Structure formats: structure tokens, C-alpha cells
Amino acid sequence: MKRILMISSLALLFSGLFVPAADANSDQYRISHLTFSGAFQLPGVTLPEGTYTFERVAPGVIRVLSKNHMTVYGTFMTIPTLRPLRTGHTTKQEVVFGEAAAGEAPPVKVWYPFPAPAFFNYHRSVGYEFLY
């Protein structure tokens, strides 16, 4: 009985050592407010300039809403993609645009919702690539 209690206590102690300091499901890592200076595209929709809320609602699923969360513009499937290697620490969110024909709004290709963590040697973070 003492052996089982000791093993259970050790398992509980060690499980606490592997809890990450920043929970990837916290709002800091799920929601971003992005301001666009011109029209842009997401799969199946073109939005005018303005501020929008990008929210990760499930793994691989991004919802785009108005800044006040009153209007949902779409819920989109994505695939995870790594931020390209950096020489220094980035402190901003990022949107990567794809190519568009002259006169058309550029499509958002990838959304990187948070900066690469300082402790991550290669300065990479995971982004969400929209599926068109």
C-alpha cells in the first residue's frame, strides 16, 4: 500500500513539472485584433479595411468577427504552419498575404497570432494557413 501511495505521489509531483508556463488555450493565444488599411480576402469573402477579431475556436479552425464581436464574417479551416526562421525576436502578430490580380483585394494566406517566444532558440511560432 505504501508503495502505491509513493508511486502515485511521485507521478503527481512529476506531472506538475511538465505543465507549460503559458497555456496555448488562454485568450492571449486565441484572440487577436488586427487592423487592415485596405480590403482583404479570406476564403469566400472579401472584407473592407477596418479592425477585425481573429479567434482560434478549435485546432485548425479560425473565426473572424467584427471588433465588437457582434458580426461573424466567417469560420475558416486552416492548417498549422511554422513561422519562417528569424534572426531576432519578433514582438508582433503577423499576417502574410498571397498574390492577387491588379485591382483585387489580396488574400490572407497565413495568420501568426503571437510572437515567437524569447526562450525558443529558433524564433519560430505556429501560424494558421487558410485553406482556399
N, C-alpha and C. Protein backbone atom coordinates (compact mmCIF):
# COMPACT_ATOMS: atom_id res chain seq x y z
N MET A 1 0.82 -1.18 0.00
CA MET A 1 0.00 0.00 0.00
C MET A 1 0.88 1.26 0.00
N LYS A 2 1.95 1.23 0.84
CA LYS A 2 2.85 2.38 0.89
C LYS A 2 3.51 2.60 -0.46
N ARG A 3 3.83 1.49 -1.14
CA ARG A 3 4.49 1.59 -2.45
C ARG A 3 3.56 2.26 -3.47
N ILE A 4 2.29 1.90 -3.48
CA ILE A 4 1.32 2.50 -4.39
C ILE A 4 1.15 3.99 -4.09
N LEU A 5 1.08 4.33 -2.82
CA LEU A 5 0.95 5.74 -2.42
C LEU A 5 2.19 6.53 -2.83
N MET A 6 3.37 5.94 -2.67
CA MET A 6 4.61 6.61 -3.05
C MET A 6 4.68 6.80 -4.56
N ILE A 7 4.30 5.80 -5.34
CA ILE A 7 4.32 5.91 -6.80
C ILE A 7 3.31 6.96 -7.26
N SER A 8 2.14 6.98 -6.65
CA SER A 8 1.12 7.98 -7.00
C SER A 8 1.61 9.39 -6.68
N SER A 9 2.25 9.55 -5.55
CA SER A 9 2.77 10.87 -5.16
C SER A 9 3.86 11.33 -6.11
N LEU A 10 4.76 10.43 -6.49
CA LEU A 10 5.81 10.78 -7.44
C LEU A 10 5.24 11.13 -8.81
N ALA A 11 4.24 10.38 -9.25
CA ALA A 11 3.61 10.67 -10.54
C ALA A 11 2.97 12.05 -10.53
N LEU A 12 2.29 12.38 -9.44
CA LEU A 12 1.67 13.70 -9.31
C LEU A 12 2.72 14.80 -9.28
N LEU A 13 3.80 14.58 -8.57
CA LEU A 13 4.88 15.56 -8.49
C LEU A 13 5.50 15.81 -9.87
N PHE A 14 5.80 14.74 -10.60
CA PHE A 14 6.42 14.88 -11.91
C PHE A 14 5.47 15.45 -12.96
N SER A 15 4.19 15.16 -12.84
CA SER A 15 3.24 15.71 -13.82
C SER A 15 3.18 17.24 -13.70
N GLY A 16 3.37 17.78 -12.51
CA GLY A 16 3.39 19.22 -12.31
C GLY A 16 4.60 19.89 -12.94
N LEU A 17 5.67 19.15 -13.14
CA LEU A 17 6.88 19.72 -13.75
C LEU A 17 6.73 19.95 -15.24
N PHE A 18 5.80 19.28 -15.87
CA PHE A 18 5.66 19.38 -17.31
C PHE A 18 4.51 20.27 -17.76
N VAL A 19 3.92 21.03 -16.86
CA VAL A 19 2.87 21.97 -17.22
C VAL A 19 3.52 23.21 -17.82
N PRO A 20 3.14 23.63 -19.03
CA PRO A 20 3.76 24.80 -19.64
C PRO A 20 3.40 26.07 -18.88
N ALA A 21 4.32 27.04 -18.92
CA ALA A 21 4.10 28.30 -18.22
C ALA A 21 2.98 29.09 -18.85
N ALA A 22 2.85 29.06 -20.17
CA ALA A 22 1.79 29.79 -20.85
C ALA A 22 0.88 28.80 -21.55
N ASP A 23 -0.37 28.80 -21.15
CA ASP A 23 -1.33 27.88 -21.74
C ASP A 23 -1.70 28.32 -23.14
N ALA A 24 -1.52 27.45 -24.11
CA ALA A 24 -1.81 27.79 -25.51
C ALA A 24 -3.29 28.01 -25.74
N ASN A 25 -4.13 27.64 -24.79
CA ASN A 25 -5.57 27.86 -24.94
C ASN A 25 -6.03 29.14 -24.27
N SER A 26 -5.14 29.87 -23.61
CA SER A 26 -5.55 31.11 -22.97
C SER A 26 -5.90 32.14 -24.04
N ASP A 27 -6.70 33.14 -23.65
CA ASP A 27 -7.16 34.16 -24.60
C ASP A 27 -6.00 34.87 -25.29
N GLN A 28 -4.88 35.04 -24.61
CA GLN A 28 -3.72 35.72 -25.19
C GLN A 28 -3.28 35.02 -26.47
N TYR A 29 -3.45 33.71 -26.53
CA TYR A 29 -3.00 32.95 -27.69
C TYR A 29 -4.14 32.58 -28.64
N ARG A 30 -5.38 32.95 -28.30
CA ARG A 30 -6.51 32.58 -29.12
C ARG A 30 -7.10 33.76 -29.88
N ILE A 31 -6.98 34.97 -29.37
CA ILE A 31 -7.68 36.12 -29.95
C ILE A 31 -6.71 37.23 -30.30
N SER A 32 -6.89 37.79 -31.49
CA SER A 32 -6.09 38.94 -31.93
C SER A 32 -7.02 39.95 -32.58
N HIS A 33 -6.72 41.22 -32.35
CA HIS A 33 -7.43 42.31 -33.03
C HIS A 33 -6.46 42.87 -34.07
N LEU A 34 -6.82 42.74 -35.34
CA LEU A 34 -5.95 43.18 -36.42
C LEU A 34 -6.63 44.29 -37.21
N THR A 35 -5.85 45.33 -37.54
CA THR A 35 -6.36 46.44 -38.33
C THR A 35 -5.77 46.38 -39.72
N PHE A 36 -6.62 46.41 -40.71
CA PHE A 36 -6.22 46.36 -42.11
C PHE A 36 -6.46 47.72 -42.75
N SER A 37 -5.48 48.21 -43.50
CA SER A 37 -5.58 49.53 -44.12
C SER A 37 -6.26 49.48 -45.49
N GLY A 38 -6.58 48.30 -45.95
CA GLY A 38 -7.27 48.13 -47.23
C GLY A 38 -8.08 46.86 -47.22
N ALA A 39 -8.86 46.66 -48.25
CA ALA A 39 -9.68 45.45 -48.37
C ALA A 39 -8.77 44.22 -48.43
N PHE A 40 -9.29 43.10 -47.98
CA PHE A 40 -8.55 41.84 -48.00
C PHE A 40 -9.53 40.70 -48.17
N GLN A 41 -9.01 39.55 -48.56
CA GLN A 41 -9.84 38.37 -48.77
C GLN A 41 -9.53 37.28 -47.75
N LEU A 42 -10.57 36.55 -47.40
CA LEU A 42 -10.46 35.28 -46.70
C LEU A 42 -11.25 34.30 -47.55
N PRO A 43 -11.13 33.01 -47.34
CA PRO A 43 -11.84 32.06 -48.21
C PRO A 43 -13.33 32.38 -48.34
N GLY A 44 -13.73 32.75 -49.54
CA GLY A 44 -15.14 33.00 -49.82
C GLY A 44 -15.69 34.36 -49.44
N VAL A 45 -14.87 35.26 -48.94
CA VAL A 45 -15.36 36.58 -48.51
C VAL A 45 -14.28 37.64 -48.71
N THR A 46 -14.70 38.84 -49.11
CA THR A 46 -13.81 40.00 -49.19
C THR A 46 -14.30 41.02 -48.17
N LEU A 47 -13.40 41.47 -47.32
CA LEU A 47 -13.76 42.40 -46.25
C LEU A 47 -13.11 43.75 -46.49
N PRO A 48 -13.79 44.85 -46.13
CA PRO A 48 -13.20 46.18 -46.31
C PRO A 48 -12.18 46.49 -45.22
N GLU A 49 -11.47 47.59 -45.39
CA GLU A 49 -10.50 47.99 -44.36
C GLU A 49 -11.21 48.14 -43.03
N GLY A 50 -10.46 47.96 -41.96
CA GLY A 50 -11.03 48.07 -40.62
C GLY A 50 -10.32 47.15 -39.65
N THR A 51 -10.87 47.10 -38.44
CA THR A 51 -10.30 46.26 -37.39
C THR A 51 -11.19 45.04 -37.20
N TYR A 52 -10.56 43.88 -37.16
CA TYR A 52 -11.27 42.62 -37.06
C TYR A 52 -10.67 41.79 -35.94
N THR A 53 -11.48 40.89 -35.41
CA THR A 53 -11.03 39.95 -34.39
C THR A 53 -10.81 38.60 -35.06
N PHE A 54 -9.60 38.07 -34.93
CA PHE A 54 -9.28 36.71 -35.39
C PHE A 54 -9.23 35.85 -34.14
N GLU A 55 -9.98 34.76 -34.14
CA GLU A 55 -10.08 33.93 -32.95
C GLU A 55 -9.94 32.46 -33.32
N ARG A 56 -9.06 31.77 -32.61
CA ARG A 56 -8.93 30.32 -32.79
C ARG A 56 -9.98 29.68 -31.91
N VAL A 57 -10.97 29.02 -32.54
CA VAL A 57 -12.06 28.42 -31.78
C VAL A 57 -11.85 26.93 -31.53
N ALA A 58 -10.99 26.31 -32.31
CA ALA A 58 -10.65 24.89 -32.16
C ALA A 58 -9.36 24.68 -32.94
N PRO A 59 -8.67 23.58 -32.71
CA PRO A 59 -7.46 23.35 -33.50
C PRO A 59 -7.79 23.35 -35.00
N GLY A 60 -7.13 24.25 -35.72
CA GLY A 60 -7.34 24.34 -37.15
C GLY A 60 -8.56 25.11 -37.59
N VAL A 61 -9.28 25.73 -36.66
CA VAL A 61 -10.48 26.48 -37.00
C VAL A 61 -10.36 27.91 -36.49
N ILE A 62 -10.44 28.87 -37.44
CA ILE A 62 -10.33 30.29 -37.11
C ILE A 62 -11.64 30.98 -37.45
N ARG A 63 -12.12 31.80 -36.53
CA ARG A 63 -13.33 32.60 -36.77
C ARG A 63 -12.91 34.06 -36.84
N VAL A 64 -13.48 34.78 -37.80
CA VAL A 64 -13.20 36.21 -37.96
C VAL A 64 -14.49 36.97 -37.68
N LEU A 65 -14.37 37.92 -36.74
CA LEU A 65 -15.52 38.69 -36.30
C LEU A 65 -15.23 40.18 -36.38
N SER A 66 -16.27 40.98 -36.19
CA SER A 66 -16.07 42.42 -36.06
C SER A 66 -15.34 42.67 -34.74
N LYS A 67 -14.79 43.86 -34.60
CA LYS A 67 -14.01 44.17 -33.40
C LYS A 67 -14.86 44.02 -32.13
N ASN A 68 -16.13 44.37 -32.22
CA ASN A 68 -17.00 44.28 -31.04
C ASN A 68 -17.66 42.90 -30.89
N HIS A 69 -17.30 41.95 -31.74
CA HIS A 69 -17.76 40.56 -31.70
C HIS A 69 -19.24 40.40 -32.03
N MET A 70 -19.87 41.40 -32.61
CA MET A 70 -21.30 41.35 -32.93
C MET A 70 -21.58 40.70 -34.29
N THR A 71 -20.61 40.74 -35.21
CA THR A 71 -20.81 40.18 -36.54
C THR A 71 -19.74 39.12 -36.82
N VAL A 72 -20.18 37.94 -37.22
CA VAL A 72 -19.25 36.88 -37.62
C VAL A 72 -19.14 36.93 -39.14
N TYR A 73 -17.93 37.12 -39.64
CA TYR A 73 -17.70 37.17 -41.08
C TYR A 73 -17.40 35.81 -41.68
N GLY A 74 -17.00 34.88 -40.85
CA GLY A 74 -16.74 33.55 -41.35
C GLY A 74 -15.96 32.70 -40.36
N THR A 75 -16.08 31.40 -40.53
CA THR A 75 -15.32 30.42 -39.77
C THR A 75 -14.56 29.61 -40.80
N PHE A 76 -13.25 29.53 -40.64
CA PHE A 76 -12.38 29.02 -41.69
C PHE A 76 -11.50 27.87 -41.21
N MET A 77 -11.29 26.91 -42.09
CA MET A 77 -10.38 25.80 -41.82
C MET A 77 -8.96 26.25 -42.15
N THR A 78 -8.02 25.84 -41.33
CA THR A 78 -6.61 26.17 -41.53
C THR A 78 -5.75 24.95 -41.28
N ILE A 79 -4.49 25.07 -41.68
CA ILE A 79 -3.51 24.05 -41.32
C ILE A 79 -2.37 24.76 -40.60
N PRO A 80 -1.76 24.11 -39.62
CA PRO A 80 -0.66 24.75 -38.90
C PRO A 80 0.56 24.91 -39.80
N THR A 81 1.25 26.01 -39.62
CA THR A 81 2.48 26.27 -40.37
C THR A 81 3.46 27.00 -39.46
N LEU A 82 4.73 26.69 -39.59
CA LEU A 82 5.74 27.34 -38.75
C LEU A 82 6.13 28.68 -39.34
N ARG A 83 6.32 29.66 -38.45
CA ARG A 83 6.84 30.96 -38.87
C ARG A 83 8.25 30.74 -39.40
N PRO A 84 8.61 31.41 -40.50
CA PRO A 84 9.98 31.26 -41.02
C PRO A 84 11.01 31.65 -39.97
N LEU A 85 12.19 31.09 -40.08
CA LEU A 85 13.27 31.41 -39.14
C LEU A 85 13.55 32.90 -39.11
N ARG A 86 13.82 33.42 -37.94
CA ARG A 86 14.12 34.84 -37.75
C ARG A 86 15.53 34.98 -37.17
N THR A 87 16.11 36.14 -37.42
CA THR A 87 17.42 36.39 -36.81
C THR A 87 17.26 37.03 -35.44
N GLY A 88 16.11 37.59 -35.16
CA GLY A 88 15.87 38.22 -33.86
C GLY A 88 14.47 37.89 -33.38
N HIS A 89 14.15 38.32 -32.18
CA HIS A 89 12.84 38.07 -31.57
C HIS A 89 11.82 39.01 -32.18
N THR A 90 10.68 38.48 -32.63
CA THR A 90 9.63 39.32 -33.15
C THR A 90 8.60 39.59 -32.05
N THR A 91 8.07 40.79 -32.02
CA THR A 91 7.16 41.16 -30.94
C THR A 91 5.77 41.46 -31.46
N LYS A 92 5.47 41.09 -32.69
CA LYS A 92 4.16 41.44 -33.23
C LYS A 92 3.48 40.25 -33.86
N GLN A 93 2.16 40.39 -33.97
CA GLN A 93 1.38 39.44 -34.74
C GLN A 93 1.69 39.70 -36.20
N GLU A 94 1.35 38.74 -37.02
CA GLU A 94 1.67 38.92 -38.42
C GLU A 94 0.62 38.27 -39.29
N VAL A 95 0.37 38.91 -40.42
CA VAL A 95 -0.48 38.33 -41.45
C VAL A 95 0.34 38.31 -42.72
N VAL A 96 0.34 37.18 -43.40
CA VAL A 96 1.05 37.06 -44.67
C VAL A 96 -0.01 37.02 -45.76
N PHE A 97 0.15 37.90 -46.74
CA PHE A 97 -0.80 37.97 -47.85
C PHE A 97 -0.31 37.14 -49.03
N GLY A 98 -1.25 36.60 -49.78
CA GLY A 98 -0.95 35.91 -51.01
C GLY A 98 -1.03 36.89 -52.17
N GLU A 99 -0.79 36.39 -53.36
CA GLU A 99 -0.83 37.24 -54.55
C GLU A 99 -2.27 37.45 -55.00
N ALA A 100 -2.51 38.64 -55.60
CA ALA A 100 -3.83 38.97 -56.13
C ALA A 100 -3.65 39.69 -57.46
N ALA A 101 -4.64 39.55 -58.31
CA ALA A 101 -4.62 40.26 -59.60
C ALA A 101 -4.76 41.76 -59.35
N ALA A 102 -4.32 42.56 -60.30
CA ALA A 102 -4.41 44.01 -60.17
C ALA A 102 -5.86 44.41 -59.91
N GLY A 103 -6.06 45.26 -58.92
CA GLY A 103 -7.39 45.75 -58.58
C GLY A 103 -8.17 44.85 -57.63
N GLU A 104 -7.65 43.68 -57.31
CA GLU A 104 -8.33 42.78 -56.38
C GLU A 104 -7.70 42.88 -55.00
N ALA A 105 -8.51 42.59 -53.98
CA ALA A 105 -8.01 42.57 -52.61
C ALA A 105 -7.11 41.36 -52.43
N PRO A 106 -5.97 41.52 -51.74
CA PRO A 106 -5.08 40.37 -51.53
C PRO A 106 -5.67 39.38 -50.53
N PRO A 107 -5.45 38.09 -50.75
CA PRO A 107 -5.95 37.09 -49.79
C PRO A 107 -4.99 36.95 -48.61
N VAL A 108 -5.57 36.78 -47.43
CA VAL A 108 -4.75 36.46 -46.26
C VAL A 108 -4.36 34.99 -46.39
N LYS A 109 -3.07 34.76 -46.44
CA LYS A 109 -2.57 33.39 -46.60
C LYS A 109 -2.34 32.74 -45.24
N VAL A 110 -1.63 33.45 -44.32
CA VAL A 110 -1.29 32.90 -43.01
C VAL A 110 -1.48 33.97 -41.94
N TRP A 111 -1.97 33.55 -40.78
CA TRP A 111 -2.07 34.41 -39.60
C TRP A 111 -1.18 33.81 -38.52
N TYR A 112 -0.21 34.61 -38.06
CA TYR A 112 0.64 34.25 -36.92
C TYR A 112 0.13 35.05 -35.74
N PRO A 113 -0.61 34.43 -34.81
CA PRO A 113 -1.31 35.19 -33.77
C PRO A 113 -0.46 35.76 -32.65
N PHE A 114 0.72 35.24 -32.43
CA PHE A 114 1.52 35.76 -31.33
C PHE A 114 2.98 35.66 -31.69
N PRO A 115 3.80 36.46 -31.01
CA PRO A 115 5.23 36.45 -31.34
C PRO A 115 5.90 35.15 -30.92
N ALA A 116 7.01 34.90 -31.57
CA ALA A 116 7.82 33.75 -31.20
C ALA A 116 8.34 33.96 -29.78
N PRO A 117 8.23 32.97 -28.90
CA PRO A 117 8.70 33.14 -27.53
C PRO A 117 10.21 33.35 -27.47
N ALA A 118 10.62 34.18 -26.54
CA ALA A 118 12.04 34.53 -26.41
C ALA A 118 12.90 33.32 -26.08
N PHE A 119 12.34 32.35 -25.38
CA PHE A 119 13.13 31.18 -24.99
C PHE A 119 13.25 30.16 -26.12
N PHE A 120 12.54 30.37 -27.21
CA PHE A 120 12.55 29.44 -28.34
C PHE A 120 13.71 29.84 -29.25
N ASN A 121 14.80 29.11 -29.22
CA ASN A 121 16.05 29.48 -29.87
C ASN A 121 15.92 29.87 -31.33
N TYR A 122 15.05 29.21 -32.06
CA TYR A 122 14.98 29.48 -33.49
C TYR A 122 13.97 30.56 -33.85
N HIS A 123 13.33 31.17 -32.86
CA HIS A 123 12.40 32.28 -33.07
C HIS A 123 11.30 31.91 -34.05
N ARG A 124 10.66 30.80 -33.79
CA ARG A 124 9.56 30.34 -34.62
C ARG A 124 8.31 30.26 -33.77
N SER A 125 7.19 30.41 -34.39
CA SER A 125 5.93 30.15 -33.73
C SER A 125 4.99 29.56 -34.78
N VAL A 126 3.91 28.98 -34.31
CA VAL A 126 2.97 28.34 -35.21
C VAL A 126 1.95 29.35 -35.69
N GLY A 127 1.66 29.29 -36.98
CA GLY A 127 0.63 30.12 -37.58
C GLY A 127 -0.45 29.25 -38.17
N TYR A 128 -1.45 29.90 -38.73
CA TYR A 128 -2.59 29.20 -39.30
C TYR A 128 -2.71 29.59 -40.77
N GLU A 129 -2.52 28.62 -41.66
CA GLU A 129 -2.62 28.86 -43.10
C GLU A 129 -4.04 28.56 -43.56
N PHE A 130 -4.69 29.58 -44.13
CA PHE A 130 -6.07 29.44 -44.58
C PHE A 130 -6.15 28.55 -45.82
N LEU A 131 -7.17 27.72 -45.87
CA LEU A 131 -7.37 26.81 -47.00
C LEU A 131 -8.34 27.45 -47.98
N TYR A 132 -7.86 27.71 -49.17
CA TYR A 132 -8.69 28.32 -50.23
C TYR A 132 -9.12 27.26 -51.20
